[in-house]
Amino acid sequence: MGSFLRYTALAVIVVGSLFLSACAGVKPWEREDLSRPGMQVDPDPLVSAADDHIYFSREASKGGRSFGGGGCGCN
Protein backbone atom coordinates (compact mmCIF):
# COMPACT_ATOMS: atom_id res chain seq x y z
CA MET A 1 0.00 0.00 0.00
CA GLY A 2 2.88 2.39 0.76
CA SER A 3 4.49 1.89 -2.66
CA PHE A 4 1.15 2.59 -4.37
CA LEU A 5 0.95 5.99 -2.66
CA ARG A 6 4.55 6.69 -3.53
CA TYR A 7 3.98 5.94 -7.24
CA THR A 8 0.75 7.94 -7.22
CA ALA A 9 2.50 10.93 -5.67
CA LEU A 10 5.31 10.62 -8.22
CA ALA A 11 2.81 10.47 -11.08
CA VAL A 12 1.00 13.56 -9.76
CA ILE A 13 4.31 15.44 -9.52
CA VAL A 14 5.35 14.45 -13.06
CA VAL A 15 1.98 15.34 -14.59
CA GLY A 16 1.83 18.58 -12.61
CA SER A 17 5.29 19.61 -13.77
CA LEU A 18 4.29 18.91 -17.39
CA PHE A 19 1.32 21.24 -17.05
CA LEU A 20 3.41 23.95 -15.41
CA SER A 21 6.12 23.87 -18.10
CA ALA A 22 3.93 25.09 -20.93
CA CYS A 23 5.32 26.97 -23.91
CA ALA A 24 5.35 30.72 -23.65
CA GLY A 25 3.57 32.78 -26.24
CA VAL A 26 5.50 35.41 -28.14
CA LYS A 27 3.85 38.78 -28.38
CA PRO A 28 3.86 40.56 -31.77
CA TRP A 29 6.11 43.35 -30.46
CA GLU A 30 8.62 40.76 -29.16
CA ARG A 31 9.04 39.09 -32.55
CA GLU A 32 11.30 41.88 -33.79
CA ASP A 33 13.93 40.97 -31.20
CA LEU A 34 13.72 37.27 -32.06
CA SER A 35 14.05 37.85 -35.81
CA ARG A 36 17.30 39.82 -35.64
CA PRO A 37 20.31 38.25 -37.38
CA GLY A 38 22.17 37.76 -34.10
CA MET A 39 19.38 35.52 -32.81
CA GLN A 40 19.53 33.16 -35.80
CA VAL A 41 21.35 29.83 -35.73
CA ASP A 42 23.46 30.98 -38.67
CA PRO A 43 23.62 34.79 -38.42
CA ASP A 44 25.47 35.30 -41.71
CA PRO A 45 24.81 32.53 -44.25
CA LEU A 46 27.08 34.07 -46.91
CA VAL A 47 30.10 34.04 -44.61
CA SER A 48 29.30 30.48 -43.54
CA ALA A 49 28.99 29.37 -47.18
CA ALA A 50 32.35 30.97 -48.00
CA ASP A 51 33.96 29.28 -44.98
CA ASP A 52 32.48 25.94 -46.03
CA HIS A 53 33.80 26.38 -49.56
CA ILE A 54 37.30 27.22 -48.32
CA TYR A 55 37.31 24.27 -45.93
CA PHE A 56 35.94 21.96 -48.64
CA SER A 57 38.63 23.09 -51.09
CA ARG A 58 41.40 22.71 -48.55
CA GLU A 59 40.34 19.32 -47.20
CA ALA A 60 39.13 17.90 -50.55
CA SER A 61 36.07 16.43 -48.92
CA LYS A 62 32.39 17.23 -49.13
CA GLY A 63 30.88 18.36 -45.83
CA GLY A 64 34.23 19.46 -44.48
CA ARG A 65 33.01 20.96 -41.22
CA SER A 66 30.87 18.11 -40.04
CA PHE A 67 33.37 15.29 -40.51
CA GLY A 68 36.76 14.86 -38.90
CA GLY A 69 39.76 14.51 -41.20
CA GLY A 70 39.67 14.95 -44.92
CA GLY A 71 41.61 12.13 -46.43
CA CYS A 72 44.98 13.55 -45.41
CA GLY A 73 45.41 11.11 -42.51
CA CYS A 74 45.29 13.83 -39.89
CA ASN A 75 42.93 13.99 -36.94
PDB file of N, CA and C in Angstrom:
ATOM      1  N   MET A   1       0.814  -1.197   0.000  1.00  0.00           N
ATOM      2  CA  MET A   1       0.000   0.000   0.000  1.00  0.00           C
ATOM      3  C   MET A   1       0.855   1.259   0.000  1.00  0.00           C
ATOM      4  N   GLY A   2       1.996   1.236   0.692  1.00  0.00           N
ATOM      5  CA  GLY A   2       2.878   2.395   0.761  1.00  0.00           C
ATOM      6  C   GLY A   2       3.509   2.702  -0.584  1.00  0.00           C
ATOM      7  N   SER A   3       3.864   1.658  -1.358  1.00  0.00           N
ATOM      8  CA  SER A   3       4.490   1.894  -2.660  1.00  0.00           C
ATOM      9  C   SER A   3       3.469   2.455  -3.651  1.00  0.00           C
ATOM     10  N   PHE A   4       2.196   2.056  -3.500  1.00  0.00           N
ATOM     11  CA  PHE A   4       1.150   2.593  -4.373  1.00  0.00           C
ATOM     12  C   PHE A   4       1.016   4.096  -4.180  1.00  0.00           C
ATOM     13  N   LEU A   5       1.041   4.551  -2.940  1.00  0.00           N
ATOM     14  CA  LEU A   5       0.953   5.987  -2.660  1.00  0.00           C
ATOM     15  C   LEU A   5       2.186   6.722  -3.173  1.00  0.00           C
ATOM     16  N   ARG A   6       3.325   6.073  -3.055  1.00  0.00           N
ATOM     17  CA  ARG A   6       4.554   6.692  -3.533  1.00  0.00           C
ATOM     18  C   ARG A   6       4.506   6.880  -5.050  1.00  0.00           C
ATOM     19  N   TYR A   7       4.076   5.843  -5.779  1.00  0.00           N
ATOM     20  CA  TYR A   7       3.981   5.943  -7.236  1.00  0.00           C
ATOM     21  C   TYR A   7       2.899   6.934  -7.672  1.00  0.00           C
ATOM     22  N   THR A   8       1.811   6.987  -6.918  1.00  0.00           N
ATOM     23  CA  THR A   8       0.755   7.943  -7.223  1.00  0.00           C
ATOM     24  C   THR A   8       1.249   9.366  -7.020  1.00  0.00           C
ATOM     25  N   ALA A   9       1.955   9.596  -5.933  1.00  0.00           N
ATOM     26  CA  ALA A   9       2.502  10.925  -5.674  1.00  0.00           C
ATOM     27  C   ALA A   9       3.520  11.312  -6.750  1.00  0.00           C
ATOM     28  N   LEU A  10       4.341  10.360  -7.171  1.00  0.00           N
ATOM     29  CA  LEU A  10       5.314  10.625  -8.224  1.00  0.00           C
ATOM     30  C   LEU A  10       4.619  10.948  -9.544  1.00  0.00           C
ATOM     31  N   ALA A  11       3.559  10.212  -9.857  1.00  0.00           N
ATOM     32  CA  ALA A  11       2.807  10.475 -11.083  1.00  0.00           C
ATOM     33  C   ALA A  11       2.155  11.850 -11.037  1.00  0.00           C
ATOM     34  N   VAL A  12       1.620  12.242  -9.897  1.00  0.00           N
ATOM     35  CA  VAL A  12       1.000  13.562  -9.759  1.00  0.00           C
ATOM     36  C   VAL A  12       2.054  14.658  -9.936  1.00  0.00           C
ATOM     37  N   ILE A  13       3.244  14.456  -9.386  1.00  0.00           N
ATOM     38  CA  ILE A  13       4.307  15.440  -9.520  1.00  0.00           C
ATOM     39  C   ILE A  13       4.753  15.564 -10.973  1.00  0.00           C
ATOM     40  N   VAL A  14       4.910  14.429 -11.665  1.00  0.00           N
ATOM     41  CA  VAL A  14       5.347  14.454 -13.056  1.00  0.00           C
ATOM     42  C   VAL A  14       4.301  15.124 -13.938  1.00  0.00           C
ATOM     43  N   VAL A  15       3.042  14.753 -13.774  1.00  0.00           N
ATOM     44  CA  VAL A  15       1.977  15.344 -14.592  1.00  0.00           C
ATOM     45  C   VAL A  15       1.821  16.827 -14.266  1.00  0.00           C
ATOM     46  N   GLY A  16       1.921  17.176 -13.005  1.00  0.00           N
ATOM     47  CA  GLY A  16       1.827  18.584 -12.612  1.00  0.00           C
ATOM     48  C   GLY A  16       2.952  19.414 -13.202  1.00  0.00           C
ATOM     49  N   SER A  17       4.170  18.863 -13.203  1.00  0.00           N
ATOM     50  CA  SER A  17       5.291  19.611 -13.774  1.00  0.00           C
ATOM     51  C   SER A  17       5.144  19.764 -15.282  1.00  0.00           C
ATOM     52  N   LEU A  18       4.532  18.780 -15.965  1.00  0.00           N
ATOM     53  CA  LEU A  18       4.290  18.910 -17.390  1.00  0.00           C
ATOM     54  C   LEU A  18       3.295  20.028 -17.689  1.00  0.00           C
ATOM     55  N   PHE A  19       2.290  20.160 -16.850  1.00  0.00           N
ATOM     56  CA  PHE A  19       1.321  21.237 -17.051  1.00  0.00           C
ATOM     57  C   PHE A  19       1.912  22.600 -16.733  1.00  0.00           C
ATOM     58  N   LEU A  20       2.830  22.665 -15.790  1.00  0.00           N
ATOM     59  CA  LEU A  20       3.412  23.948 -15.409  1.00  0.00           C
ATOM     60  C   LEU A  20       4.503  24.401 -16.373  1.00  0.00           C
ATOM     61  N   SER A  21       5.044  23.496 -17.177  1.00  0.00           N
ATOM     62  CA  SER A  21       6.118  23.872 -18.097  1.00  0.00           C
ATOM     63  C   SER A  21       5.581  24.076 -19.508  1.00  0.00           C
ATOM     64  N   ALA A  22       4.540  24.840 -19.633  1.00  0.00           N
ATOM     65  CA  ALA A  22       3.926  25.093 -20.933  1.00  0.00           C
ATOM     66  C   ALA A  22       4.787  26.059 -21.744  1.00  0.00           C
ATOM     67  N   CYS A  23       4.586  26.054 -23.028  1.00  0.00           N
ATOM     68  CA  CYS A  23       5.320  26.970 -23.908  1.00  0.00           C
ATOM     69  C   CYS A  23       4.808  28.393 -23.698  1.00  0.00           C
ATOM     70  N   ALA A  24       5.716  29.320 -23.803  1.00  0.00           N
ATOM     71  CA  ALA A  24       5.352  30.724 -23.649  1.00  0.00           C
ATOM     72  C   ALA A  24       4.976  31.300 -25.003  1.00  0.00           C
ATOM     73  N   GLY A  25       3.965  32.120 -25.011  1.00  0.00           N
ATOM     74  CA  GLY A  25       3.567  32.783 -26.243  1.00  0.00           C
ATOM     75  C   GLY A  25       4.437  33.991 -26.505  1.00  0.00           C
ATOM     76  N   VAL A  26       4.693  34.260 -27.764  1.00  0.00           N
ATOM     77  CA  VAL A  26       5.504  35.414 -28.142  1.00  0.00           C
ATOM     78  C   VAL A  26       4.567  36.503 -28.625  1.00  0.00           C
ATOM     79  N   LYS A  27       4.686  37.639 -28.005  1.00  0.00           N
ATOM     80  CA  LYS A  27       3.851  38.778 -28.378  1.00  0.00           C
ATOM     81  C   LYS A  27       4.333  39.365 -29.710  1.00  0.00           C
ATOM     82  N   PRO A  28       3.443  39.999 -30.474  1.00  0.00           N
ATOM     83  CA  PRO A  28       3.855  40.561 -31.765  1.00  0.00           C
ATOM     84  C   PRO A  28       5.002  41.567 -31.655  1.00  0.00           C
ATOM     85  N   TRP A  29       5.050  42.355 -30.593  1.00  0.00           N
ATOM     86  CA  TRP A  29       6.107  43.350 -30.459  1.00  0.00           C
ATOM     87  C   TRP A  29       7.424  42.718 -29.993  1.00  0.00           C
ATOM     88  N   GLU A  30       7.398  41.453 -29.549  1.00  0.00           N
ATOM     89  CA  GLU A  30       8.621  40.759 -29.163  1.00  0.00           C
ATOM     90  C   GLU A  30       9.259  40.016 -30.343  1.00  0.00           C
ATOM     91  N   ARG A  31       8.538  39.841 -31.404  1.00  0.00           N
ATOM     92  CA  ARG A  31       9.041  39.090 -32.553  1.00  0.00           C
ATOM     93  C   ARG A  31      10.184  39.807 -33.257  1.00  0.00           C
ATOM     94  N   GLU A  32      10.212  41.125 -33.161  1.00  0.00           N
ATOM     95  CA  GLU A  32      11.299  41.879 -33.787  1.00  0.00           C
ATOM     96  C   GLU A  32      12.646  41.473 -33.185  1.00  0.00           C
ATOM     97  N   ASP A  33      12.685  41.347 -31.861  1.00  0.00           N
ATOM     98  CA  ASP A  33      13.932  40.966 -31.202  1.00  0.00           C
ATOM     99  C   ASP A  33      14.356  39.555 -31.582  1.00  0.00           C
ATOM    100  N   LEU A  34      13.397  38.654 -31.743  1.00  0.00           N
ATOM    101  CA  LEU A  34      13.723  37.268 -32.061  1.00  0.00           C
ATOM    102  C   LEU A  34      14.096  37.069 -33.520  1.00  0.00           C
ATOM    103  N   SER A  35      13.750  38.010 -34.393  1.00  0.00           N
ATOM    104  CA  SER A  35      14.054  37.852 -35.810  1.00  0.00           C
ATOM    105  C   SER A  35      15.337  38.560 -36.229  1.00  0.00           C
ATOM    106  N   ARG A  36      16.047  39.138 -35.313  1.00  0.00           N
ATOM    107  CA  ARG A  36      17.304  39.817 -35.639  1.00  0.00           C
ATOM    108  C   ARG A  36      18.356  38.796 -36.061  1.00  0.00           C
ATOM    109  N   PRO A  37      19.299  39.195 -36.894  1.00  0.00           N
ATOM    110  CA  PRO A  37      20.310  38.251 -37.383  1.00  0.00           C
ATOM    111  C   PRO A  37      21.135  37.600 -36.266  1.00  0.00           C
ATOM    112  N   GLY A  38      21.390  38.320 -35.188  1.00  0.00           N
ATOM    113  CA  GLY A  38      22.166  37.756 -34.095  1.00  0.00           C
ATOM    114  C   GLY A  38      21.465  36.636 -33.352  1.00  0.00           C
ATOM    115  N   MET A  39      20.153  36.553 -33.486  1.00  0.00           N
ATOM    116  CA  MET A  39      19.380  35.520 -32.809  1.00  0.00           C
ATOM    117  C   MET A  39      19.221  34.260 -33.666  1.00  0.00           C
ATOM    118  N   GLN A  40      19.677  34.298 -34.899  1.00  0.00           N
ATOM    119  CA  GLN A  40      19.531  33.159 -35.798  1.00  0.00           C
ATOM    120  C   GLN A  40      20.614  32.126 -35.507  1.00  0.00           C
ATOM    121  N   VAL A  41      20.367  30.884 -35.901  1.00  0.00           N
ATOM    122  CA  VAL A  41      21.353  29.827 -35.727  1.00  0.00           C
ATOM    123  C   VAL A  41      22.590  30.136 -36.563  1.00  0.00           C
ATOM    124  N   ASP A  42      22.372  30.599 -37.774  1.00  0.00           N
ATOM    125  CA  ASP A  42      23.461  30.981 -38.667  1.00  0.00           C
ATOM    126  C   ASP A  42      23.273  32.462 -39.003  1.00  0.00           C
ATOM    127  N   PRO A  43      23.900  33.371 -38.238  1.00  0.00           N
ATOM    128  CA  PRO A  43      23.616  34.787 -38.420  1.00  0.00           C
ATOM    129  C   PRO A  43      24.027  35.344 -39.776  1.00  0.00           C
ATOM    130  N   ASP A  44      25.039  34.783 -40.414  1.00  0.00           N
ATOM    131  CA  ASP A  44      25.465  35.298 -41.715  1.00  0.00           C
ATOM    132  C   ASP A  44      25.706  34.123 -42.659  1.00  0.00           C
ATOM    133  N   PRO A  45      24.677  33.713 -43.405  1.00  0.00           N
ATOM    134  CA  PRO A  45      24.808  32.532 -44.252  1.00  0.00           C
ATOM    135  C   PRO A  45      25.844  32.677 -45.361  1.00  0.00           C
ATOM    136  N   LEU A  46      26.087  33.891 -45.856  1.00  0.00           N
ATOM    137  CA  LEU A  46      27.084  34.072 -46.911  1.00  0.00           C
ATOM    138  C   LEU A  46      28.498  33.809 -46.394  1.00  0.00           C
ATOM    139  N   VAL A  47      28.789  34.281 -45.202  1.00  0.00           N
ATOM    140  CA  VAL A  47      30.104  34.035 -44.612  1.00  0.00           C
ATOM    141  C   VAL A  47      30.274  32.544 -44.321  1.00  0.00           C
ATOM    142  N   SER A  48      29.230  31.911 -43.817  1.00  0.00           N
ATOM    143  CA  SER A  48      29.302  30.476 -43.544  1.00  0.00           C
ATOM    144  C   SER A  48      29.496  29.673 -44.828  1.00  0.00           C
ATOM    145  N   ALA A  49      28.828  30.072 -45.901  1.00  0.00           N
ATOM    146  CA  ALA A  49      28.986  29.373 -47.182  1.00  0.00           C
ATOM    147  C   ALA A  49      30.410  29.546 -47.705  1.00  0.00           C
ATOM    148  N   ALA A  50      30.974  30.739 -47.562  1.00  0.00           N
ATOM    149  CA  ALA A  50      32.354  30.967 -48.001  1.00  0.00           C
ATOM    150  C   ALA A  50      33.331  30.143 -47.160  1.00  0.00           C
ATOM    151  N   ASP A  51      33.106  30.100 -45.847  1.00  0.00           N
ATOM    152  CA  ASP A  51      33.963  29.285 -44.984  1.00  0.00           C
ATOM    153  C   ASP A  51      33.871  27.810 -45.347  1.00  0.00           C
ATOM    154  N   ASP A  52      32.656  27.337 -45.619  1.00  0.00           N
ATOM    155  CA  ASP A  52      32.477  25.938 -46.025  1.00  0.00           C
ATOM    156  C   ASP A  52      33.197  25.654 -47.331  1.00  0.00           C
ATOM    157  N   HIS A  53      33.134  26.578 -48.277  1.00  0.00           N
ATOM    158  CA  HIS A  53      33.801  26.381 -49.563  1.00  0.00           C
ATOM    159  C   HIS A  53      35.320  26.328 -49.390  1.00  0.00           C
ATOM    160  N   ILE A  54      35.857  27.213 -48.568  1.00  0.00           N
ATOM    161  CA  ILE A  54      37.298  27.217 -48.322  1.00  0.00           C
ATOM    162  C   ILE A  54      37.722  25.929 -47.646  1.00  0.00           C
ATOM    163  N   TYR A  55      36.964  25.507 -46.644  1.00  0.00           N
ATOM    164  CA  TYR A  55      37.311  24.275 -45.929  1.00  0.00           C
ATOM    165  C   TYR A  55      37.178  23.066 -46.854  1.00  0.00           C
ATOM    166  N   PHE A  56      36.140  23.056 -47.694  1.00  0.00           N
ATOM    167  CA  PHE A  56      35.939  21.961 -48.643  1.00  0.00           C
ATOM    168  C   PHE A  56      37.096  21.900 -49.627  1.00  0.00           C
ATOM    169  N   SER A  57      37.533  23.058 -50.125  1.00  0.00           N
ATOM    170  CA  SER A  57      38.628  23.088 -51.091  1.00  0.00           C
ATOM    171  C   SER A  57      39.940  22.655 -50.454  1.00  0.00           C
ATOM    172  N   ARG A  58      40.147  23.036 -49.220  1.00  0.00           N
ATOM    173  CA  ARG A  58      41.402  22.711 -48.547  1.00  0.00           C
ATOM    174  C   ARG A  58      41.459  21.234 -48.167  1.00  0.00           C
ATOM    175  N   GLU A  59      40.352  20.691 -47.678  1.00  0.00           N
ATOM    176  CA  GLU A  59      40.343  19.317 -47.204  1.00  0.00           C
ATOM    177  C   GLU A  59      40.002  18.305 -48.294  1.00  0.00           C
ATOM    178  N   ALA A  60      39.502  18.774 -49.436  1.00  0.00           N
ATOM    179  CA  ALA A  60      39.133  17.900 -50.551  1.00  0.00           C
ATOM    180  C   ALA A  60      38.098  16.871 -50.125  1.00  0.00           C
ATOM    181  N   SER A  61      37.135  17.322 -49.353  1.00  0.00           N
ATOM    182  CA  SER A  61      36.068  16.427 -48.921  1.00  0.00           C
ATOM    183  C   SER A  61      34.775  17.213 -48.851  1.00  0.00           C
ATOM    184  N   LYS A  62      33.697  16.576 -49.199  1.00  0.00           N
ATOM    185  CA  LYS A  62      32.393  17.230 -49.127  1.00  0.00           C
ATOM    186  C   LYS A  62      31.927  17.211 -47.682  1.00  0.00           C
ATOM    187  N   GLY A  63      31.336  18.290 -47.223  1.00  0.00           N
ATOM    188  CA  GLY A  63      30.880  18.361 -45.829  1.00  0.00           C
ATOM    189  C   GLY A  63      32.043  18.515 -44.882  1.00  0.00           C
ATOM    190  N   GLY A  64      32.980  19.359 -45.217  1.00  0.00           N
ATOM    191  CA  GLY A  64      34.230  19.465 -44.482  1.00  0.00           C
ATOM    192  C   GLY A  64      34.105  19.800 -43.020  1.00  0.00           C
ATOM    193  N   ARG A  65      33.114  20.588 -42.631  1.00  0.00           N
ATOM    194  CA  ARG A  65      33.013  20.965 -41.224  1.00  0.00           C
ATOM    195  C   ARG A  65      32.454  19.846 -40.359  1.00  0.00           C
ATOM    196  N   SER A  66      31.574  19.062 -40.895  1.00  0.00           N
ATOM    197  CA  SER A  66      30.875  18.111 -40.039  1.00  0.00           C
ATOM    198  C   SER A  66      31.603  16.785 -39.865  1.00  0.00           C
ATOM    199  N   PHE A  67      32.656  16.558 -40.612  1.00  0.00           N
ATOM    200  CA  PHE A  67      33.373  15.288 -40.511  1.00  0.00           C
ATOM    201  C   PHE A  67      34.820  15.561 -40.147  1.00  0.00           C
ATOM    202  N   GLY A  68      35.369  14.708 -39.291  1.00  0.00           N
ATOM    203  CA  GLY A  68      36.761  14.859 -38.905  1.00  0.00           C
ATOM    204  C   GLY A  68      37.682  14.308 -39.986  1.00  0.00           C
ATOM    205  N   GLY A  69      38.800  14.959 -40.192  1.00  0.00           N
ATOM    206  CA  GLY A  69      39.763  14.512 -41.200  1.00  0.00           C
ATOM    207  C   GLY A  69      39.267  14.761 -42.591  1.00  0.00           C
ATOM    208  N   GLY A  70      40.109  14.702 -43.564  1.00  0.00           N
ATOM    209  CA  GLY A  70      39.667  14.947 -44.917  1.00  0.00           C
ATOM    210  C   GLY A  70      40.413  14.114 -45.920  1.00  0.00           C
ATOM    211  N   GLY A  71      40.879  12.966 -45.523  1.00  0.00           N
ATOM    212  CA  GLY A  71      41.613  12.132 -46.434  1.00  0.00           C
ATOM    213  C   GLY A  71      43.111  12.361 -46.354  1.00  0.00           C
ATOM    214  N   CYS A  72      43.542  13.265 -45.510  1.00  0.00           N
ATOM    215  CA  CYS A  72      44.976  13.551 -45.414  1.00  0.00           C
ATOM    216  C   CYS A  72      45.638  12.713 -44.324  1.00  0.00           C
ATOM    217  N   GLY A  73      44.849  11.944 -43.565  1.00  0.00           N
ATOM    218  CA  GLY A  73      45.406  11.113 -42.507  1.00  0.00           C
ATOM    219  C   GLY A  73      45.549  11.837 -41.183  1.00  0.00           C
ATOM    220  N   CYS A  74      45.205  13.096 -41.142  1.00  0.00           N
ATOM    221  CA  CYS A  74      45.286  13.828 -39.888  1.00  0.00           C
ATOM    222  C   CYS A  74      44.002  13.660 -39.091  1.00  0.00           C
ATOM    223  N   ASN A  75      44.063  14.024 -37.844  1.00  0.00           N
ATOM    224  CA  ASN A  75      42.928  13.991 -36.941  1.00  0.00           C
ATOM    225  C   ASN A  75      42.937  12.750 -36.168  1.00  0.00           C
TER     226      ASN A  75
END
